[in-house]
PDB file of all heavy atoms in Angstrom:
ATOM      1  N   ASN A   1     153.398 173.277 115.280  1.00  0.00           N
ATOM      2  CA  ASN A   1     152.341 172.358 115.696  1.00  0.00           C
ATOM      3  C   ASN A   1     151.391 173.031 116.680  1.00  0.00           C
ATOM      4  O   ASN A   1     151.757 173.985 117.370  1.00  0.00           O
ATOM      5  CB  ASN A   1     152.947 171.098 116.325  1.00  0.00           C
ATOM      6  CG  ASN A   1     153.785 171.405 117.540  1.00  0.00           C
ATOM      7  OD1 ASN A   1     154.774 172.130 117.445  1.00  0.00           O
ATOM      8  ND2 ASN A   1     153.406 170.872 118.691  1.00  0.00           N
ATOM      9  N   PRO A   2     150.147 172.558 116.782  1.00  0.00           N
ATOM     10  CA  PRO A   2     149.141 173.240 117.598  1.00  0.00           C
ATOM     11  C   PRO A   2     149.138 172.882 119.081  1.00  0.00           C
ATOM     12  O   PRO A   2     148.283 173.374 119.816  1.00  0.00           O
ATOM     13  CB  PRO A   2     147.823 172.794 116.944  1.00  0.00           C
ATOM     14  CG  PRO A   2     148.121 171.458 116.373  1.00  0.00           C
ATOM     15  CD  PRO A   2     149.560 171.513 115.921  1.00  0.00           C
ATOM     16  N   ASP A   3     150.079 172.076 119.543  1.00  0.00           N
ATOM     17  CA  ASP A   3     150.043 171.624 120.926  1.00  0.00           C
ATOM     18  C   ASP A   3     150.391 172.754 121.895  1.00  0.00           C
ATOM     19  O   ASP A   3     151.112 173.698 121.566  1.00  0.00           O
ATOM     20  CB  ASP A   3     151.014 170.452 121.106  1.00  0.00           C
ATOM     21  CG  ASP A   3     150.609 169.276 120.239  1.00  0.00           C
ATOM     22  OD1 ASP A   3     149.724 168.512 120.647  1.00  0.00           O
ATOM     23  OD2 ASP A   3     151.167 169.151 119.128  1.00  0.00           O
ATOM     24  N   LYS A   4     149.875 172.627 123.114  1.00  0.00           N
ATOM     25  CA  LYS A   4     150.055 173.668 124.127  1.00  0.00           C
ATOM     26  C   LYS A   4     151.524 173.881 124.458  1.00  0.00           C
ATOM     27  O   LYS A   4     151.942 175.006 124.771  1.00  0.00           O
ATOM     28  CB  LYS A   4     149.271 173.301 125.384  1.00  0.00           C
ATOM     29  CG  LYS A   4     149.194 174.416 126.412  1.00  0.00           C
ATOM     30  CD  LYS A   4     148.277 174.034 127.559  1.00  0.00           C
ATOM     31  CE  LYS A   4     148.178 175.152 128.591  1.00  0.00           C
ATOM     32  NZ  LYS A   4     147.292 174.760 129.724  1.00  0.00           N
ATOM     33  N   ALA A   5     152.336 172.828 124.384  1.00  0.00           N
ATOM     34  CA  ALA A   5     153.757 172.958 124.700  1.00  0.00           C
ATOM     35  C   ALA A   5     154.470 173.930 123.767  1.00  0.00           C
ATOM     36  O   ALA A   5     155.495 174.520 124.142  1.00  0.00           O
ATOM     37  CB  ALA A   5     154.440 171.593 124.630  1.00  0.00           C
ATOM     38  N   GLN A   6     153.960 174.119 122.555  1.00  0.00           N
ATOM     39  CA  GLN A   6     154.585 175.022 121.590  1.00  0.00           C
ATOM     40  C   GLN A   6     153.801 176.332 121.432  1.00  0.00           C
ATOM     41  O   GLN A   6     154.013 177.071 120.471  1.00  0.00           O
ATOM     42  CB  GLN A   6     154.741 174.327 120.234  1.00  0.00           C
ATOM     43  CG  GLN A   6     155.924 173.373 120.184  1.00  0.00           C
ATOM     44  CD  GLN A   6     155.725 172.120 121.013  1.00  0.00           C
ATOM     45  OE1 GLN A   6     154.646 171.524 121.020  1.00  0.00           O
ATOM     46  NE2 GLN A   6     156.752 171.702 121.741  1.00  0.00           N
ATOM     47  N   HIS A   7     152.924 176.627 122.382  1.00  0.00           N
ATOM     48  CA  HIS A   7     152.169 177.885 122.334  1.00  0.00           C
ATOM     49  C   HIS A   7     153.108 179.086 122.271  1.00  0.00           C
ATOM     50  O   HIS A   7     152.922 180.015 121.469  1.00  0.00           O
ATOM     51  CB  HIS A   7     151.255 177.998 123.554  1.00  0.00           C
ATOM     52  CG  HIS A   7     150.685 179.377 123.741  1.00  0.00           C
ATOM     53  ND1 HIS A   7     151.237 180.297 124.597  1.00  0.00           N
ATOM     54  CD2 HIS A   7     149.630 179.991 123.155  1.00  0.00           C
ATOM     55  CE1 HIS A   7     150.548 181.423 124.543  1.00  0.00           C
ATOM     56  NE2 HIS A   7     149.561 181.260 123.676  1.00  0.00           N
ATOM     57  N   ARG A   8     154.141 179.078 123.116  1.00  0.00           N
ATOM     58  CA  ARG A   8     155.044 180.236 123.151  1.00  0.00           C
ATOM     59  C   ARG A   8     155.856 180.350 121.866  1.00  0.00           C
ATOM     60  O   ARG A   8     156.190 181.466 121.442  1.00  0.00           O
ATOM     61  CB  ARG A   8     155.964 180.121 124.364  1.00  0.00           C
ATOM     62  CG  ARG A   8     156.714 181.404 124.680  1.00  0.00           C
ATOM     63  CD  ARG A   8     155.764 182.499 125.102  1.00  0.00           C
ATOM     64  NE  ARG A   8     156.437 183.786 125.195  1.00  0.00           N
ATOM     65  CZ  ARG A   8     155.846 184.939 124.938  1.00  0.00           C
ATOM     66  NH1 ARG A   8     154.576 184.986 124.558  1.00  0.00           N
ATOM     67  NH2 ARG A   8     156.510 186.076 125.058  1.00  0.00           N
ATOM     68  N   VAL A   9     156.158 179.243 121.221  1.00  0.00           N
ATOM     69  CA  VAL A   9     156.853 179.298 119.927  1.00  0.00           C
ATOM     70  C   VAL A   9     155.983 180.039 118.921  1.00  0.00           C
ATOM     71  O   VAL A   9     156.460 180.918 118.184  1.00  0.00           O
ATOM     72  CB  VAL A   9     157.183 177.887 119.414  1.00  0.00           C
ATOM     73  CG1 VAL A   9     157.826 177.957 118.026  1.00  0.00           C
ATOM     74  CG2 VAL A   9     158.111 177.162 120.389  1.00  0.00           C
ATOM     75  N   ARG A  10     154.704 179.701 118.873  1.00  0.00           N
ATOM     76  CA  ARG A  10     153.789 180.373 117.940  1.00  0.00           C
ATOM     77  C   ARG A  10     153.693 181.861 118.250  1.00  0.00           C
ATOM     78  O   ARG A  10     153.716 182.715 117.345  1.00  0.00           O
ATOM     79  CB  ARG A  10     152.405 179.719 117.985  1.00  0.00           C
ATOM     80  CG  ARG A  10     152.405 178.255 117.582  1.00  0.00           C
ATOM     81  CD  ARG A  10     150.998 177.709 117.422  1.00  0.00           C
ATOM     82  NE  ARG A  10     150.225 177.685 118.655  1.00  0.00           N
ATOM     83  CZ  ARG A  10     150.216 176.694 119.529  1.00  0.00           C
ATOM     84  NH1 ARG A  10     150.986 175.622 119.334  1.00  0.00           N
ATOM     85  NH2 ARG A  10     149.456 176.744 120.619  1.00  0.00           N
ATOM     86  N   ALA A  11     153.593 182.197 119.541  1.00  0.00           N
ATOM     87  CA  ALA A  11     153.482 183.602 119.926  1.00  0.00           C
ATOM     88  C   ALA A  11     154.721 184.392 119.539  1.00  0.00           C
ATOM     89  O   ALA A  11     154.626 185.532 119.043  1.00  0.00           O
ATOM     90  CB  ALA A  11     153.232 183.705 121.434  1.00  0.00           C
ATOM     91  N   LEU A  12     155.900 183.820 119.746  1.00  0.00           N
ATOM     92  CA  LEU A  12     157.134 184.511 119.397  1.00  0.00           C
ATOM     93  C   LEU A  12     157.269 184.677 117.880  1.00  0.00           C
ATOM     94  O   LEU A  12     157.777 185.703 117.411  1.00  0.00           O
ATOM     95  CB  LEU A  12     158.336 183.758 119.960  1.00  0.00           C
ATOM     96  CG  LEU A  12     158.513 183.812 121.490  1.00  0.00           C
ATOM     97  CD1 LEU A  12     159.659 182.908 121.921  1.00  0.00           C
ATOM     98  CD2 LEU A  12     158.756 185.242 121.956  1.00  0.00           C
ATOM     99  N   ALA A  13     156.812 183.681 117.134  1.00  0.00           N
ATOM    100  CA  ALA A  13     156.857 183.806 115.672  1.00  0.00           C
ATOM    101  C   ALA A  13     155.955 184.944 115.199  1.00  0.00           C
ATOM    102  O   ALA A  13     156.332 185.734 114.319  1.00  0.00           O
ATOM    103  CB  ALA A  13     156.443 182.491 115.023  1.00  0.00           C
ATOM    104  N   LEU A  14     154.768 185.051 115.782  1.00  0.00           N
ATOM    105  CA  LEU A  14     153.869 186.141 115.426  1.00  0.00           C
ATOM    106  C   LEU A  14     154.456 187.488 115.834  1.00  0.00           C
ATOM    107  O   LEU A  14     154.388 188.467 115.076  1.00  0.00           O
ATOM    108  CB  LEU A  14     152.513 185.930 116.093  1.00  0.00           C
ATOM    109  CG  LEU A  14     151.668 184.799 115.509  1.00  0.00           C
ATOM    110  CD1 LEU A  14     150.499 184.475 116.433  1.00  0.00           C
ATOM    111  CD2 LEU A  14     151.154 185.166 114.126  1.00  0.00           C
ATOM    112  N   ALA A  15     155.026 187.568 117.020  1.00  0.00           N
ATOM    113  CA  ALA A  15     155.621 188.818 117.491  1.00  0.00           C
ATOM    114  C   ALA A  15     156.792 189.252 116.610  1.00  0.00           C
ATOM    115  O   ALA A  15     157.067 190.454 116.489  1.00  0.00           O
ATOM    116  CB  ALA A  15     156.080 188.672 118.938  1.00  0.00           C
ATOM    117  N   ALA A  16     157.457 188.274 115.982  1.00  0.00           N
ATOM    118  CA  ALA A  16     158.584 188.579 115.099  1.00  0.00           C
ATOM    119  C   ALA A  16     158.143 188.799 113.649  1.00  0.00           C
ATOM    120  O   ALA A  16     158.991 188.899 112.753  1.00  0.00           O
ATOM    121  CB  ALA A  16     159.598 187.441 115.154  1.00  0.00           C
ATOM    122  N   SER A  17     156.826 188.868 113.425  1.00  0.00           N
ATOM    123  CA  SER A  17     156.252 189.131 112.094  1.00  0.00           C
ATOM    124  C   SER A  17     156.585 188.053 111.073  1.00  0.00           C
ATOM    125  O   SER A  17     156.677 188.321 109.870  1.00  0.00           O
ATOM    126  CB  SER A  17     156.695 190.509 111.564  1.00  0.00           C
ATOM    127  OG  SER A  17     156.256 191.527 112.437  1.00  0.00           O
ATOM    128  N   LYS A  18     156.746 186.819 111.539  1.00  0.00           N
ATOM    129  CA  LYS A  18     156.909 185.700 110.614  1.00  0.00           C
ATOM    130  C   LYS A  18     155.524 185.231 110.165  1.00  0.00           C
ATOM    131  O   LYS A  18     154.573 185.225 110.968  1.00  0.00           O
ATOM    132  CB  LYS A  18     157.637 184.540 111.305  1.00  0.00           C
ATOM    133  CG  LYS A  18     159.014 184.891 111.827  1.00  0.00           C
ATOM    134  CD  LYS A  18     159.692 183.681 112.453  1.00  0.00           C
ATOM    135  CE  LYS A  18     160.967 184.079 113.190  1.00  0.00           C
ATOM    136  NZ  LYS A  18     161.986 184.683 112.299  1.00  0.00           N
ATOM    137  N   ALA A  19     155.394 184.849 108.919  1.00  0.00           N
ATOM    138  CA  ALA A  19     154.166 184.176 108.491  1.00  0.00           C
ATOM    139  C   ALA A  19     154.081 182.878 109.279  1.00  0.00           C
ATOM    140  O   ALA A  19     154.978 182.040 109.210  1.00  0.00           O
ATOM    141  CB  ALA A  19     154.205 183.893 106.999  1.00  0.00           C
ATOM    142  N   THR A  20     153.005 182.724 110.058  1.00  0.00           N
ATOM    143  CA  THR A  20     152.923 181.627 111.023  1.00  0.00           C
ATOM    144  C   THR A  20     151.695 180.779 110.745  1.00  0.00           C
ATOM    145  O   THR A  20     150.561 181.263 110.829  1.00  0.00           O
ATOM    146  CB  THR A  20     152.872 182.175 112.466  1.00  0.00           C
ATOM    147  OG1 THR A  20     153.993 183.052 112.669  1.00  0.00           O
ATOM    148  CG2 THR A  20     152.929 181.050 113.485  1.00  0.00           C
ATOM    149  N   TYR A  21     151.931 179.524 110.419  1.00  0.00           N
ATOM    150  CA  TYR A  21     150.853 178.593 110.075  1.00  0.00           C
ATOM    151  C   TYR A  21     150.730 177.521 111.145  1.00  0.00           C
ATOM    152  O   TYR A  21     151.711 177.112 111.766  1.00  0.00           O
ATOM    153  CB  TYR A  21     151.153 177.913 108.728  1.00  0.00           C
ATOM    154  CG  TYR A  21     151.365 178.866 107.583  1.00  0.00           C
ATOM    155  CD1 TYR A  21     152.651 179.226 107.182  1.00  0.00           C
ATOM    156  CD2 TYR A  21     150.288 179.403 106.896  1.00  0.00           C
ATOM    157  CE1 TYR A  21     152.859 180.095 106.131  1.00  0.00           C
ATOM    158  CE2 TYR A  21     150.483 180.282 105.833  1.00  0.00           C
ATOM    159  CZ  TYR A  21     151.771 180.628 105.450  1.00  0.00           C
ATOM    160  OH  TYR A  21     151.967 181.485 104.406  1.00  0.00           O
ATOM    161  N   MET A  22     149.507 177.049 111.332  1.00  0.00           N
ATOM    162  CA  MET A  22     149.227 175.958 112.267  1.00  0.00           C
ATOM    163  C   MET A  22     148.186 175.063 111.614  1.00  0.00           C
ATOM    164  O   MET A  22     147.231 175.559 110.998  1.00  0.00           O
ATOM    165  CB  MET A  22     148.706 176.533 113.586  1.00  0.00           C
ATOM    166  CG  MET A  22     148.443 175.509 114.665  1.00  0.00           C
ATOM    167  SD  MET A  22     147.955 176.311 116.238  1.00  0.00           S
ATOM    168  CE  MET A  22     146.191 176.555 115.946  1.00  0.00           C
ATOM    169  N   ALA A  23     148.349 173.767 111.737  1.00  0.00           N
ATOM    170  CA  ALA A  23     147.433 172.840 111.080  1.00  0.00           C
ATOM    171  C   ALA A  23     146.079 172.812 111.775  1.00  0.00           C
ATOM    172  O   ALA A  23     145.972 172.899 112.996  1.00  0.00           O
ATOM    173  CB  ALA A  23     148.021 171.434 111.063  1.00  0.00           C
ATOM    174  N   VAL A  24     145.039 172.674 110.969  1.00  0.00           N
ATOM    175  CA  VAL A  24     143.701 172.383 111.480  1.00  0.00           C
ATOM    176  C   VAL A  24     143.743 170.990 112.122  1.00  0.00           C
ATOM    177  O   VAL A  24     144.404 170.086 111.603  1.00  0.00           O
ATOM    178  CB  VAL A  24     142.685 172.410 110.318  1.00  0.00           C
ATOM    179  CG1 VAL A  24     141.321 171.876 110.738  1.00  0.00           C
ATOM    180  CG2 VAL A  24     142.575 173.825 109.755  1.00  0.00           C
ATOM    181  N   PRO A  25     143.074 170.780 113.265  1.00  0.00           N
ATOM    182  CA  PRO A  25     143.080 169.440 113.863  1.00  0.00           C
ATOM    183  C   PRO A  25     142.700 168.353 112.860  1.00  0.00           C
ATOM    184  O   PRO A  25     141.698 168.466 112.147  1.00  0.00           O
ATOM    185  CB  PRO A  25     142.030 169.556 114.980  1.00  0.00           C
ATOM    186  CG  PRO A  25     142.072 170.996 115.370  1.00  0.00           C
ATOM    187  CD  PRO A  25     142.311 171.751 114.079  1.00  0.00           C
ATOM    188  N   LYS A  26     143.547 167.339 112.771  1.00  0.00           N
ATOM    189  CA  LYS A  26     143.374 166.207 111.867  1.00  0.00           C
ATOM    190  C   LYS A  26     143.300 166.616 110.395  1.00  0.00           C
ATOM    191  O   LYS A  26     142.889 165.825 109.543  1.00  0.00           O
ATOM    192  CB  LYS A  26     142.125 165.393 112.242  1.00  0.00           C
ATOM    193  CG  LYS A  26     142.201 164.775 113.625  1.00  0.00           C
ATOM    194  CD  LYS A  26     140.987 163.906 113.918  1.00  0.00           C
ATOM    195  CE  LYS A  26     141.105 163.253 115.274  1.00  0.00           C
ATOM    196  NZ  LYS A  26     139.946 162.378 115.584  1.00  0.00           N
ATOM    197  N   LEU A  27     143.730 167.860 110.075  1.00  0.00           N
ATOM    198  CA  LEU A  27     143.729 168.344 108.680  1.00  0.00           C
ATOM    199  C   LEU A  27     142.364 168.154 108.030  1.00  0.00           C
ATOM    200  O   LEU A  27     142.254 167.869 106.842  1.00  0.00           O
ATOM    201  CB  LEU A  27     144.811 167.613 107.868  1.00  0.00           C
ATOM    202  CG  LEU A  27     146.230 167.736 108.401  1.00  0.00           C
ATOM    203  CD1 LEU A  27     147.153 166.726 107.717  1.00  0.00           C
ATOM    204  CD2 LEU A  27     146.766 169.148 108.186  1.00  0.00           C
ATOM    205  N   ALA A  28     141.303 168.374 108.822  1.00  0.00           N
ATOM    206  CA  ALA A  28     139.975 167.900 108.448  1.00  0.00           C
ATOM    207  C   ALA A  28     139.180 168.852 107.561  1.00  0.00           C
ATOM    208  O   ALA A  28     137.998 168.612 107.319  1.00  0.00           O
ATOM    209  CB  ALA A  28     139.171 167.604 109.717  1.00  0.00           C
ATOM    210  N   LEU A  29     139.801 169.935 107.043  1.00  0.00           N
ATOM    211  CA  LEU A  29     139.091 170.871 106.176  1.00  0.00           C
ATOM    212  C   LEU A  29     139.790 170.957 104.821  1.00  0.00           C
ATOM    213  O   LEU A  29     140.968 170.629 104.685  1.00  0.00           O
ATOM    214  CB  LEU A  29     139.036 172.263 106.821  1.00  0.00           C
ATOM    215  CG  LEU A  29     138.311 172.350 108.178  1.00  0.00           C
ATOM    216  CD1 LEU A  29     138.432 173.762 108.730  1.00  0.00           C
ATOM    217  CD2 LEU A  29     136.853 171.941 108.043  1.00  0.00           C
ATOM    218  N   ASP A  30     139.056 171.437 103.808  1.00  0.00           N
ATOM    219  CA  ASP A  30     139.648 171.592 102.480  1.00  0.00           C
ATOM    220  C   ASP A  30     140.813 172.579 102.503  1.00  0.00           C
ATOM    221  O   ASP A  30     141.754 172.450 101.717  1.00  0.00           O
ATOM    222  CB  ASP A  30     138.589 172.065 101.484  1.00  0.00           C
ATOM    223  CG  ASP A  30     137.585 170.974 101.149  1.00  0.00           C
ATOM    224  OD1 ASP A  30     137.949 169.786 101.209  1.00  0.00           O
ATOM    225  OD2 ASP A  30     136.434 171.309 100.826  1.00  0.00           O
ATOM    226  N   GLN A  31     140.730 173.589 103.353  1.00  0.00           N
ATOM    227  CA  GLN A  31     141.833 174.524 103.581  1.00  0.00           C
ATOM    228  C   GLN A  31     142.390 174.167 104.965  1.00  0.00           C
ATOM    229  O   GLN A  31     141.895 174.639 105.990  1.00  0.00           O
ATOM    230  CB  GLN A  31     141.323 175.966 103.548  1.00  0.00           C
ATOM    231  CG  GLN A  31     140.557 176.340 102.290  1.00  0.00           C
ATOM    232  CD  GLN A  31     141.449 176.332 101.063  1.00  0.00           C
ATOM    233  OE1 GLN A  31     142.520 176.936 101.057  1.00  0.00           O
ATOM    234  NE2 GLN A  31     141.005 175.655 100.013  1.00  0.00           N
ATOM    235  N   PRO A  32     143.422 173.314 105.037  1.00  0.00           N
ATOM    236  CA  PRO A  32     143.745 172.660 106.308  1.00  0.00           C
ATOM    237  C   PRO A  32     144.764 173.365 107.201  1.00  0.00           C
ATOM    238  O   PRO A  32     145.288 172.752 108.132  1.00  0.00           O
ATOM    239  CB  PRO A  32     144.290 171.307 105.851  1.00  0.00           C
ATOM    240  CG  PRO A  32     144.961 171.612 104.551  1.00  0.00           C
ATOM    241  CD  PRO A  32     144.147 172.707 103.918  1.00  0.00           C
ATOM    242  N   PHE A  33     145.043 174.651 106.938  1.00  0.00           N
ATOM    243  CA  PHE A  33     145.996 175.372 107.777  1.00  0.00           C
ATOM    244  C   PHE A  33     145.433 176.724 108.181  1.00  0.00           C
ATOM    245  O   PHE A  33     144.748 177.384 107.405  1.00  0.00           O
ATOM    246  CB  PHE A  33     147.342 175.557 107.060  1.00  0.00           C
ATOM    247  CG  PHE A  33     148.048 174.264 106.780  1.00  0.00           C
ATOM    248  CD1 PHE A  33     147.888 173.632 105.562  1.00  0.00           C
ATOM    249  CD2 PHE A  33     148.849 173.674 107.745  1.00  0.00           C
ATOM    250  CE1 PHE A  33     148.516 172.418 105.308  1.00  0.00           C
ATOM    251  CE2 PHE A  33     149.476 172.468 107.498  1.00  0.00           C
ATOM    252  CZ  PHE A  33     149.308 171.831 106.276  1.00  0.00           C
ATOM    253  N   TYR A  34     145.721 177.111 109.425  1.00  0.00           N
ATOM    254  CA  TYR A  34     145.392 178.447 109.900  1.00  0.00           C
ATOM    255  C   TYR A  34     146.566 179.380 109.617  1.00  0.00           C
ATOM    256  O   TYR A  34     147.720 179.025 109.887  1.00  0.00           O
ATOM    257  CB  TYR A  34     145.160 178.446 111.410  1.00  0.00           C
ATOM    258  CG  TYR A  34     144.035 177.583 111.904  1.00  0.00           C
ATOM    259  CD1 TYR A  34     144.292 176.472 112.722  1.00  0.00           C
ATOM    260  CD2 TYR A  34     142.709 177.874 111.589  1.00  0.00           C
ATOM    261  CE1 TYR A  34     143.264 175.691 113.212  1.00  0.00           C
ATOM    262  CE2 TYR A  34     141.670 177.087 112.076  1.00  0.00           C
ATOM    263  CZ  TYR A  34     141.952 175.993 112.882  1.00  0.00           C
ATOM    264  OH  TYR A  34     140.944 175.204 113.355  1.00  0.00           O
ATOM    265  N   LEU A  35     146.278 180.571 109.089  1.00  0.00           N
ATOM    266  CA  LEU A  35     147.275 181.630 109.012  1.00  0.00           C
ATOM    267  C   LEU A  35     147.056 182.517 110.237  1.00  0.00           C
ATOM    268  O   LEU A  35     146.152 183.357 110.268  1.00  0.00           O
ATOM    269  CB  LEU A  35     147.130 182.447 107.729  1.00  0.00           C
ATOM    270  CG  LEU A  35     148.087 183.638 107.597  1.00  0.00           C
ATOM    271  CD1 LEU A  35     149.542 183.192 107.631  1.00  0.00           C
ATOM    272  CD2 LEU A  35     147.786 184.423 106.317  1.00  0.00           C
ATOM    273  N   LEU A  36     147.857 182.296 111.269  1.00  0.00           N
ATOM    274  CA  LEU A  36     147.614 182.955 112.554  1.00  0.00           C
ATOM    275  C   LEU A  36     147.795 184.463 112.484  1.00  0.00           C
ATOM    276  O   LEU A  36     147.196 185.205 113.276  1.00  0.00           O
ATOM    277  CB  LEU A  36     148.523 182.355 113.621  1.00  0.00           C
ATOM    278  CG  LEU A  36     148.318 180.860 113.915  1.00  0.00           C
ATOM    279  CD1 LEU A  36     149.268 180.418 115.031  1.00  0.00           C
ATOM    280  CD2 LEU A  36     146.880 180.552 114.281  1.00  0.00           C
TER     281      LEU A  36
END
């Protein structure tokens, strides 16, 4: 999830070379996920 409380979770996933996705706010785009 994109909330600040889980910022470190996202960072650790990226550092561990996991494919890491985060939703676009309100899923408001045709491609609604970021590939970090």
